[in-house]
């Protein structure tokens, strides 16, 4: 990660010669940092894509999701995550004019950081949970619920785009948040920020993307639509998210022995 340092202020003409060697040194340092870190605008995560039927993720910039919803009541243990983000990545380095592409980016991982959103607050019980996870410190399993990286393999040509999927909210974290009892059925019960960054390299430099700061509302039951006794008499009108049932889309459920099954079992009788 590159720290953001304040710009040096201009000096008077008499002092200019005295600071020139320092300025040259700083310029050389800036070039060396740029060669192995993030230069804003070169490599970016444009937005979070909306999955299509069959969990198809395309690279169109016209259909995206500006914020998300995670329903703790619908989290399924076998899923990739309680909430999945579908980042659209863009390589803005100059396109090749022919031959090998020296500016294509080989993506090798994503980093995820979960925390408070500047647009809202956490319930007291969840804030206490997050504080305890942070105090555990880097290298601990608890800390890794909020700050972690995921390996990935993807090639983006210069001037090109690609879509991916990233575990944005771990299942274990969702279980711990639910256990606090602090999250209600309202969609606005809780709001978190999920920061996603992509890492990779070209032939000549390491690359870090501009971050995507993505707000996700967390509730307990707000995405559950119609609930009937199993089985549903016909196809459910609300099928849920095609990639992960616990996020973003309303879903119909049926009740079987006191447990919700979402999407529901549908009767085969005619």
C-alpha atoms as a PDB file:
ATOM      1  CA  UNK A   1       0.000   0.000   0.000  1.00  0.00           C
ATOM      2  CA  UNK A   2       1.309   3.445  -0.881  1.00  0.00           C
ATOM      3  CA  UNK A   3       0.968   6.177   1.716  1.00  0.00           C
ATOM      4  CA  UNK A   4      -0.319   9.571   0.596  1.00  0.00           C
ATOM      5  CA  UNK A   5       2.269  12.229   1.414  1.00  0.00           C
ATOM      6  CA  UNK A   6       1.558  15.977   1.270  1.00  0.00           C
ATOM      7  CA  UNK A   7       3.090  17.883  -1.645  1.00  0.00           C
ATOM      8  CA  UNK A   8       6.202  19.952  -0.961  1.00  0.00           C
ATOM      9  CA  UNK A   9       5.463  23.659  -1.167  1.00  0.00           C
ATOM     10  CA  UNK A  10       7.360  25.842  -3.637  1.00  0.00           C
ATOM     11  CA  UNK A  11      10.385  27.733  -2.291  1.00  0.00           C
ATOM     12  CA  UNK A  12      11.803  31.104  -3.250  1.00  0.00           C
ATOM     13  CA  UNK A  13      14.292  31.436  -6.115  1.00  0.00           C
ATOM     14  CA  UNK A  14      17.293  31.869  -3.841  1.00  0.00           C
ATOM     15  CA  UNK A  15      16.578  28.599  -2.053  1.00  0.00           C
ATOM     16  CA  UNK A  16      15.702  26.695  -5.222  1.00  0.00           C
ATOM     17  CA  UNK A  17      19.258  25.572  -5.939  1.00  0.00           C
ATOM     18  CA  UNK A  18      19.697  24.319  -2.394  1.00  0.00           C
ATOM     19  CA  UNK A  19      16.662  22.016  -2.569  1.00  0.00           C
ATOM     20  CA  UNK A  20      17.189  20.754  -6.133  1.00  0.00           C
ATOM     21  CA  UNK A  21      19.211  17.648  -5.113  1.00  0.00           C
ATOM     22  CA  UNK A  22      16.510  16.766  -2.572  1.00  0.00           C
ATOM     23  CA  UNK A  23      13.806  17.315  -5.186  1.00  0.00           C
ATOM     24  CA  UNK A  24      15.619  15.042  -7.631  1.00  0.00           C
ATOM     25  CA  UNK A  25      15.954  12.382  -4.949  1.00  0.00           C
ATOM     26  CA  UNK A  26      12.247  12.604  -4.153  1.00  0.00           C
ATOM     27  CA  UNK A  27      11.420  12.377  -7.860  1.00  0.00           C
ATOM     28  CA  UNK A  28      13.538   9.259  -8.233  1.00  0.00           C
ATOM     29  CA  UNK A  29      11.892   7.776  -5.136  1.00  0.00           C
ATOM     30  CA  UNK A  30       8.437   8.527  -6.549  1.00  0.00           C
ATOM     31  CA  UNK A  31       9.337   6.743  -9.777  1.00  0.00           C
ATOM     32  CA  UNK A  32      10.565   3.693  -7.894  1.00  0.00           C
ATOM     33  CA  UNK A  33       7.380   3.601  -5.787  1.00  0.00           C
ATOM     34  CA  UNK A  34       5.200   3.945  -8.877  1.00  0.00           C
ATOM     35  CA  UNK A  35       6.985   0.993 -10.422  1.00  0.00           C
ATOM     36  CA  UNK A  36       5.856  -1.339  -7.655  1.00  0.00           C
ATOM     37  CA  UNK A  37       2.593   0.086  -6.369  1.00  0.00           C
ATOM     38  CA  UNK A  38      -0.540   2.015  -7.272  1.00  0.00           C
ATOM     39  CA  UNK A  39      -0.769   4.876  -9.747  1.00  0.00           C
ATOM     40  CA  UNK A  40      -4.380   6.157  -9.600  1.00  0.00           C
ATOM     41  CA  UNK A  41      -6.318   5.523 -12.783  1.00  0.00           C
ATOM     42  CA  UNK A  42      -4.030   2.903 -14.318  1.00  0.00           C
ATOM     43  CA  UNK A  43      -5.801  -0.140 -12.900  1.00  0.00           C
ATOM     44  CA  UNK A  44      -9.270   0.187 -11.429  1.00  0.00           C
ATOM     45  CA  UNK A  45     -12.267  -1.682 -10.105  1.00  0.00           C
ATOM     46  CA  UNK A  46     -15.037   0.105 -11.939  1.00  0.00           C
ATOM     47  CA  UNK A  47     -18.110  -1.287 -10.155  1.00  0.00           C
ATOM     48  CA  UNK A  48     -19.904  -4.325  -8.768  1.00  0.00           C
ATOM     49  CA  UNK A  49     -21.604  -6.284 -11.551  1.00  0.00           C
ATOM     50  CA  UNK A  50     -25.133  -7.674 -11.362  1.00  0.00           C
ATOM     51  CA  UNK A  51     -25.173 -11.442 -12.070  1.00  0.00           C
ATOM     52  CA  UNK A  52     -27.506 -12.594 -14.810  1.00  0.00           C
ATOM     53  CA  UNK A  53     -29.506 -15.823 -15.046  1.00  0.00           C
ATOM     54  CA  UNK A  54     -27.343 -18.870 -14.489  1.00  0.00           C
ATOM     55  CA  UNK A  55     -24.858 -16.727 -12.515  1.00  0.00           C
ATOM     56  CA  UNK A  56     -23.428 -15.225 -15.695  1.00  0.00           C
ATOM     57  CA  UNK A  57     -21.161 -12.222 -14.994  1.00  0.00           C
ATOM     58  CA  UNK A  58     -20.502 -10.003 -18.019  1.00  0.00           C
ATOM     59  CA  UNK A  59     -18.310  -6.929 -18.526  1.00  0.00           C
ATOM     60  CA  UNK A  60     -21.008  -4.442 -19.500  1.00  0.00           C
ATOM     61  CA  UNK A  61     -20.755  -1.148 -17.599  1.00  0.00           C
ATOM     62  CA  UNK A  62     -24.452  -0.376 -18.050  1.00  0.00           C
ATOM     63  CA  UNK A  63     -25.792  -2.762 -15.383  1.00  0.00           C
ATOM     64  CA  UNK A  64     -24.246  -2.574 -11.931  1.00  0.00           C
ATOM     65  CA  UNK A  65     -25.180  -2.517  -8.255  1.00  0.00           C
ATOM     66  CA  UNK A  66     -24.337   0.576  -6.215  1.00  0.00           C
ATOM     67  CA  UNK A  67     -24.925  -1.030  -2.829  1.00  0.00           C
ATOM     68  CA  UNK A  68     -25.716  -4.488  -1.534  1.00  0.00           C
ATOM     69  CA  UNK A  69     -27.957  -6.306   0.928  1.00  0.00           C
ATOM     70  CA  UNK A  70     -26.914  -9.313   3.003  1.00  0.00           C
ATOM     71  CA  UNK A  71     -29.632 -11.288   4.778  1.00  0.00           C
ATOM     72  CA  UNK A  72     -28.215 -13.265   7.711  1.00  0.00           C
ATOM     73  CA  UNK A  73     -31.338 -15.454   7.809  1.00  0.00           C
ATOM     74  CA  UNK A  74     -30.512 -16.841   4.353  1.00  0.00           C
ATOM     75  CA  UNK A  75     -26.801 -17.604   4.703  1.00  0.00           C
ATOM     76  CA  UNK A  76     -26.057 -21.189   3.629  1.00  0.00           C
ATOM     77  CA  UNK A  77     -23.002 -22.993   5.053  1.00  0.00           C
ATOM     78  CA  UNK A  78     -21.878 -24.438   1.718  1.00  0.00           C
ATOM     79  CA  UNK A  79     -21.731 -21.094  -0.105  1.00  0.00           C
ATOM     80  CA  UNK A  80     -18.534 -19.326  -1.137  1.00  0.00           C
ATOM     81  CA  UNK A  81     -19.421 -16.464   1.221  1.00  0.00           C
ATOM     82  CA  UNK A  82     -22.351 -14.789   2.921  1.00  0.00           C
ATOM     83  CA  UNK A  83     -21.929 -11.958   0.409  1.00  0.00           C
ATOM     84  CA  UNK A  84     -20.108 -12.173  -2.927  1.00  0.00           C
ATOM     85  CA  UNK A  85     -18.816  -9.147  -4.846  1.00  0.00           C
ATOM     86  CA  UNK A  86     -18.459  -9.277  -8.634  1.00  0.00           C
ATOM     87  CA  UNK A  87     -15.802  -6.664  -9.435  1.00  0.00           C
ATOM     88  CA  UNK A  88     -15.399  -5.307 -12.950  1.00  0.00           C
ATOM     89  CA  UNK A  89     -11.689  -4.660 -13.452  1.00  0.00           C
ATOM     90  CA  UNK A  90     -10.280  -2.290 -16.063  1.00  0.00           C
ATOM     91  CA  UNK A  91      -6.722  -2.000 -17.365  1.00  0.00           C
ATOM     92  CA  UNK A  92      -6.195   1.613 -18.448  1.00  0.00           C
ATOM     93  CA  UNK A  93      -2.557   1.209 -19.448  1.00  0.00           C
ATOM     94  CA  UNK A  94      -1.800   2.154 -23.093  1.00  0.00           C
ATOM     95  CA  UNK A  95      -2.834  -0.516 -25.555  1.00  0.00           C
ATOM     96  CA  UNK A  96      -0.217  -2.391 -27.536  1.00  0.00           C
ATOM     97  CA  UNK A  97       0.325  -1.341 -31.159  1.00  0.00           C
ATOM     98  CA  UNK A  98       1.391  -4.807 -32.225  1.00  0.00           C
ATOM     99  CA  UNK A  99       3.243  -7.858 -31.047  1.00  0.00           C
ATOM    100  CA  UNK A 100       3.347  -8.919 -27.391  1.00  0.00           C
ATOM    101  CA  UNK A 101       1.369  -6.755 -24.990  1.00  0.00           C
ATOM    102  CA  UNK A 102       3.816  -5.429 -22.349  1.00  0.00           C
ATOM    103  CA  UNK A 103       0.996  -3.729 -20.441  1.00  0.00           C
ATOM    104  CA  UNK A 104      -1.341  -6.664 -19.943  1.00  0.00           C
ATOM    105  CA  UNK A 105      -2.007  -7.252 -16.236  1.00  0.00           C
ATOM    106  CA  UNK A 106      -1.762 -10.705 -14.711  1.00  0.00           C
ATOM    107  CA  UNK A 107      -4.082 -10.540 -11.691  1.00  0.00           C
ATOM    108  CA  UNK A 108      -2.997 -12.845  -8.869  1.00  0.00           C
ATOM    109  CA  UNK A 109      -5.087 -11.879  -5.820  1.00  0.00           C
ATOM    110  CA  UNK A 110      -7.717  -9.703  -4.204  1.00  0.00           C
ATOM    111  CA  UNK A 111      -7.545  -8.054  -0.775  1.00  0.00           C
ATOM    112  CA  UNK A 112     -10.715  -7.446   1.252  1.00  0.00           C
ATOM    113  CA  UNK A 113     -11.136  -5.149   4.268  1.00  0.00           C
ATOM    114  CA  UNK A 114     -14.467  -5.012   6.121  1.00  0.00           C
ATOM    115  CA  UNK A 115     -15.293  -2.166   8.483  1.00  0.00           C
ATOM    116  CA  UNK A 116     -17.600   0.692   9.352  1.00  0.00           C
ATOM    117  CA  UNK A 117     -19.170   2.729   6.577  1.00  0.00           C
ATOM    118  CA  UNK A 118     -18.940   6.510   6.616  1.00  0.00           C
ATOM    119  CA  UNK A 119     -22.612   6.502   5.620  1.00  0.00           C
ATOM    120  CA  UNK A 120     -23.894   4.735   8.746  1.00  0.00           C
ATOM    121  CA  UNK A 121     -23.066   3.091  12.037  1.00  0.00           C
ATOM    122  CA  UNK A 122     -22.831  -0.417  13.421  1.00  0.00           C
ATOM    123  CA  UNK A 123     -25.153  -1.728  16.155  1.00  0.00           C
ATOM    124  CA  UNK A 124     -23.415  -1.664  19.535  1.00  0.00           C
ATOM    125  CA  UNK A 125     -23.155  -5.447  19.738  1.00  0.00           C
ATOM    126  CA  UNK A 126     -21.629  -5.696  16.272  1.00  0.00           C
ATOM    127  CA  UNK A 127     -19.215  -2.840  16.979  1.00  0.00           C
ATOM    128  CA  UNK A 128     -18.021  -4.713  20.067  1.00  0.00           C
ATOM    129  CA  UNK A 129     -17.557  -7.843  17.954  1.00  0.00           C
ATOM    130  CA  UNK A 130     -15.564  -5.981  15.291  1.00  0.00           C
ATOM    131  CA  UNK A 131     -13.414  -4.337  17.994  1.00  0.00           C
ATOM    132  CA  UNK A 132     -12.573  -7.730  19.483  1.00  0.00           C
ATOM    133  CA  UNK A 133     -11.644  -9.129  16.061  1.00  0.00           C
ATOM    134  CA  UNK A 134      -9.384  -6.136  15.388  1.00  0.00           C
ATOM    135  CA  UNK A 135      -7.679  -6.489  18.773  1.00  0.00           C
ATOM    136  CA  UNK A 136      -6.712 -10.076  17.953  1.00  0.00           C
ATOM    137  CA  UNK A 137      -4.187  -8.576  15.530  1.00  0.00           C
ATOM    138  CA  UNK A 138      -2.736  -9.502  12.130  1.00  0.00           C
ATOM    139  CA  UNK A 139      -1.979 -13.181  11.702  1.00  0.00           C
ATOM    140  CA  UNK A 140      -4.856 -14.343  13.903  1.00  0.00           C
ATOM    141  CA  UNK A 141      -7.938 -16.168  12.549  1.00  0.00           C
ATOM    142  CA  UNK A 142     -10.174 -13.562  14.180  1.00  0.00           C
ATOM    143  CA  UNK A 143      -8.456 -10.619  12.466  1.00  0.00           C
ATOM    144  CA  UNK A 144      -8.617 -12.504   9.159  1.00  0.00           C
ATOM    145  CA  UNK A 145     -12.423 -12.392   9.265  1.00  0.00           C
ATOM    146  CA  UNK A 146     -12.176  -8.644   8.557  1.00  0.00           C
ATOM    147  CA  UNK A 147      -8.915  -8.403   6.601  1.00  0.00           C
ATOM    148  CA  UNK A 148      -7.910 -11.143   4.175  1.00  0.00           C
ATOM    149  CA  UNK A 149      -6.702 -11.899   0.663  1.00  0.00           C
ATOM    150  CA  UNK A 150      -7.920 -14.392  -1.919  1.00  0.00           C
ATOM    151  CA  UNK A 151      -5.808 -15.851  -4.750  1.00  0.00           C
ATOM    152  CA  UNK A 152      -7.038 -15.355  -8.299  1.00  0.00           C
ATOM    153  CA  UNK A 153      -5.775 -15.944 -11.822  1.00  0.00           C
ATOM    154  CA  UNK A 154      -6.868 -13.570 -14.566  1.00  0.00           C
ATOM    155  CA  UNK A 155      -5.271 -11.767 -17.523  1.00  0.00           C
ATOM    156  CA  UNK A 156      -6.486  -8.321 -18.607  1.00  0.00           C
ATOM    157  CA  UNK A 157      -5.049  -6.934 -21.860  1.00  0.00           C
ATOM    158  CA  UNK A 158      -4.073  -3.282 -22.004  1.00  0.00           C
ATOM    159  CA  UNK A 159      -7.209  -1.204 -22.526  1.00  0.00           C
ATOM    160  CA  UNK A 160      -9.345  -4.219 -21.628  1.00  0.00           C
ATOM    161  CA  UNK A 161     -11.849  -5.302 -18.963  1.00  0.00           C
ATOM    162  CA  UNK A 162     -12.615  -8.482 -17.045  1.00  0.00           C
ATOM    163  CA  UNK A 163     -15.095  -9.588 -14.387  1.00  0.00           C
ATOM    164  CA  UNK A 164     -14.402 -11.771 -11.362  1.00  0.00           C
ATOM    165  CA  UNK A 165     -16.005 -12.828  -8.076  1.00  0.00           C
ATOM    166  CA  UNK A 166     -14.676 -12.282  -4.561  1.00  0.00           C
ATOM    167  CA  UNK A 167     -15.855 -13.472  -1.148  1.00  0.00           C
ATOM    168  CA  UNK A 168     -16.934 -10.152   0.331  1.00  0.00           C
ATOM    169  CA  UNK A 169     -18.299 -11.253   3.727  1.00  0.00           C
ATOM    170  CA  UNK A 170     -17.188 -14.597   5.232  1.00  0.00           C
ATOM    171  CA  UNK A 171     -19.801 -17.090   6.416  1.00  0.00           C
ATOM    172  CA  UNK A 172     -18.126 -17.352   9.834  1.00  0.00           C
ATOM    173  CA  UNK A 173     -18.300 -13.577  10.250  1.00  0.00           C
ATOM    174  CA  UNK A 174     -21.989 -13.614   9.312  1.00  0.00           C
ATOM    175  CA  UNK A 175     -22.629 -16.298  11.965  1.00  0.00           C
ATOM    176  CA  UNK A 176     -20.860 -14.222  14.621  1.00  0.00           C
ATOM    177  CA  UNK A 177     -22.781 -11.088  13.653  1.00  0.00           C
ATOM    178  CA  UNK A 178     -26.080 -12.999  13.817  1.00  0.00           C
ATOM    179  CA  UNK A 179     -25.135 -14.386  17.242  1.00  0.00           C
ATOM    180  CA  UNK A 180     -24.924 -10.856  18.679  1.00  0.00           C
ATOM    181  CA  UNK A 181     -28.704 -10.549  18.270  1.00  0.00           C
ATOM    182  CA  UNK A 182     -28.142  -6.907  17.338  1.00  0.00           C
ATOM    183  CA  UNK A 183     -29.315  -7.096  13.711  1.00  0.00           C
ATOM    184  CA  UNK A 184     -33.030  -6.827  13.024  1.00  0.00           C
ATOM    185  CA  UNK A 185     -35.292  -7.492  10.060  1.00  0.00           C
ATOM    186  CA  UNK A 186     -34.998  -3.944   8.716  1.00  0.00           C
ATOM    187  CA  UNK A 187     -32.616  -3.563   5.775  1.00  0.00           C
ATOM    188  CA  UNK A 188     -31.046  -0.560   7.491  1.00  0.00           C
ATOM    189  CA  UNK A 189     -30.276  -2.449  10.729  1.00  0.00           C
ATOM    190  CA  UNK A 190     -26.572  -2.435   9.882  1.00  0.00           C
ATOM    191  CA  UNK A 191     -24.284  -0.972   7.238  1.00  0.00           C
ATOM    192  CA  UNK A 192     -20.687  -2.002   6.531  1.00  0.00           C
ATOM    193  CA  UNK A 193     -18.074  -0.924   4.012  1.00  0.00           C
ATOM    194  CA  UNK A 194     -16.304  -3.639   2.034  1.00  0.00           C
ATOM    195  CA  UNK A 195     -13.081  -2.397   0.452  1.00  0.00           C
ATOM    196  CA  UNK A 196     -11.787  -4.548  -2.396  1.00  0.00           C
ATOM    197  CA  UNK A 197      -8.420  -4.198  -4.141  1.00  0.00           C
ATOM    198  CA  UNK A 198      -6.883  -6.289  -6.912  1.00  0.00           C
ATOM    199  CA  UNK A 199      -3.166  -7.089  -7.224  1.00  0.00           C
ATOM    200  CA  UNK A 200      -1.109  -8.298 -10.160  1.00  0.00           C
ATOM    201  CA  UNK A 201       1.766  -7.403 -12.442  1.00  0.00           C
ATOM    202  CA  UNK A 202       2.781  -6.511 -15.972  1.00  0.00           C
ATOM    203  CA  UNK A 203       6.083  -7.450 -17.596  1.00  0.00           C
ATOM    204  CA  UNK A 204       7.754  -4.497 -15.881  1.00  0.00           C
ATOM    205  CA  UNK A 205       5.888  -3.577 -12.693  1.00  0.00           C
ATOM    206  CA  UNK A 206       3.655  -4.719  -9.862  1.00  0.00           C
ATOM    207  CA  UNK A 207       0.103  -3.376  -9.960  1.00  0.00           C
ATOM    208  CA  UNK A 208      -2.450  -2.491  -7.285  1.00  0.00           C
ATOM    209  CA  UNK A 209      -5.902  -1.390  -8.384  1.00  0.00           C
ATOM    210  CA  UNK A 210      -7.747   1.649  -7.183  1.00  0.00           C
ATOM    211  CA  UNK A 211     -10.009   0.363  -4.392  1.00  0.00           C
ATOM    212  CA  UNK A 212     -13.722  -0.256  -4.619  1.00  0.00           C
ATOM    213  CA  UNK A 213     -15.468   0.918  -1.436  1.00  0.00           C
ATOM    214  CA  UNK A 214     -18.747  -0.937  -1.480  1.00  0.00           C
ATOM    215  CA  UNK A 215     -21.568  -0.378   1.067  1.00  0.00           C
ATOM    216  CA  UNK A 216     -23.545  -3.430   2.151  1.00  0.00           C
ATOM    217  CA  UNK A 217     -26.667  -3.342   4.334  1.00  0.00           C
ATOM    218  CA  UNK A 218     -27.039  -6.285   6.702  1.00  0.00           C
ATOM    219  CA  UNK A 219     -30.402  -7.534   7.977  1.00  0.00           C
ATOM    220  CA  UNK A 220     -32.006 -10.646   9.418  1.00  0.00           C
ATOM    221  CA  UNK A 221     -34.953 -11.634   7.240  1.00  0.00           C
ATOM    222  CA  UNK A 222     -35.428  -8.603   4.978  1.00  0.00           C
ATOM    223  CA  UNK A 223     -34.967 -10.535   1.707  1.00  0.00           C
ATOM    224  CA  UNK A 224     -37.462 -13.291   2.589  1.00  0.00           C
ATOM    225  CA  UNK A 225     -40.557 -12.708   0.465  1.00  0.00           C
ATOM    226  CA  UNK A 226     -43.399 -15.272   0.466  1.00  0.00           C
ATOM    227  CA  UNK A 227     -43.320 -18.156   2.949  1.00  0.00           C
ATOM    228  CA  UNK A 228     -45.605 -21.191   2.491  1.00  0.00           C
ATOM    229  CA  UNK A 229     -45.641 -24.718   3.869  1.00  0.00           C
ATOM    230  CA  UNK A 230     -43.450 -26.994   1.732  1.00  0.00           C
ATOM    231  CA  UNK A 231     -43.880 -27.728  -1.073  1.00  0.00           C
ATOM    232  CA  UNK A 232     -44.788 -24.614  -3.071  1.00  0.00           C
ATOM    233  CA  UNK A 233     -47.800 -25.356  -5.285  1.00  0.00           C
ATOM    234  CA  UNK A 234     -46.095 -23.784  -8.329  1.00  0.00           C
ATOM    235  CA  UNK A 235     -42.879 -22.103  -9.391  1.00  0.00           C
ATOM    236  CA  UNK A 236     -41.866 -19.368  -6.954  1.00  0.00           C
ATOM    237  CA  UNK A 237     -42.104 -15.844  -8.405  1.00  0.00           C
ATOM    238  CA  UNK A 238     -39.078 -14.683  -6.394  1.00  0.00           C
ATOM    239  CA  UNK A 239     -36.174 -16.991  -7.194  1.00  0.00           C
ATOM    240  CA  UNK A 240     -33.451 -15.080  -5.358  1.00  0.00           C
ATOM    241  CA  UNK A 241     -29.959 -14.195  -6.490  1.00  0.00           C
ATOM    242  CA  UNK A 242     -28.688 -16.659  -9.122  1.00  0.00           C
ATOM    243  CA  UNK A 243     -25.203 -16.815  -7.540  1.00  0.00           C
ATOM    244  CA  UNK A 244     -25.865 -16.571  -3.801  1.00  0.00           C
ATOM    245  CA  UNK A 245     -29.287 -16.817  -2.185  1.00  0.00           C
ATOM    246  CA  UNK A 246     -28.419 -14.653   0.855  1.00  0.00           C
ATOM    247  CA  UNK A 247     -27.832 -11.430  -1.050  1.00  0.00           C
ATOM    248  CA  UNK A 248     -29.515  -8.604  -2.937  1.00  0.00           C
ATOM    249  CA  UNK A 249     -32.649 -10.270  -4.384  1.00  0.00           C
ATOM    250  CA  UNK A 250     -35.947 -11.208  -2.740  1.00  0.00           C
ATOM    251  CA  UNK A 251     -36.536 -14.947  -2.486  1.00  0.00           C
ATOM    252  CA  UNK A 252     -39.563 -17.091  -1.722  1.00  0.00           C
ATOM    253  CA  UNK A 253     -39.219 -19.855   0.865  1.00  0.00           C
ATOM    254  CA  UNK A 254     -41.159 -22.795   2.213  1.00  0.00           C
ATOM    255  CA  UNK A 255     -41.277 -24.028   5.776  1.00  0.00           C
ATOM    256  CA  UNK A 256     -40.432 -27.644   6.591  1.00  0.00           C
ATOM    257  CA  UNK A 257     -40.389 -28.811  10.224  1.00  0.00           C
ATOM    258  CA  UNK A 258     -39.835 -25.259  11.379  1.00  0.00           C
ATOM    259  CA  UNK A 259     -36.950 -24.580   8.988  1.00  0.00           C
ATOM    260  CA  UNK A 260     -36.952 -22.274   5.984  1.00  0.00           C
ATOM    261  CA  UNK A 261     -35.933 -23.734   2.636  1.00  0.00           C
ATOM    262  CA  UNK A 262     -34.993 -21.016   0.166  1.00  0.00           C
ATOM    263  CA  UNK A 263     -35.672 -21.131  -2.712  1.00  0.00           C
ATOM    264  CA  UNK A 264     -38.591 -23.427  -1.934  1.00  0.00           C
ATOM    265  CA  UNK A 265     -39.300 -27.025  -2.820  1.00  0.00           C
ATOM    266  CA  UNK A 266     -41.887 -26.964  -5.609  1.00  0.00           C
ATOM    267  CA  UNK A 267     -44.607 -29.564  -5.991  1.00  0.00           C
ATOM    268  CA  UNK A 268     -44.268 -31.880  -8.967  1.00  0.00           C
ATOM    269  CA  UNK A 269     -47.970 -32.802  -8.914  1.00  0.00           C
ATOM    270  CA  UNK A 270     -49.986 -31.757 -11.941  1.00  0.00           C
END
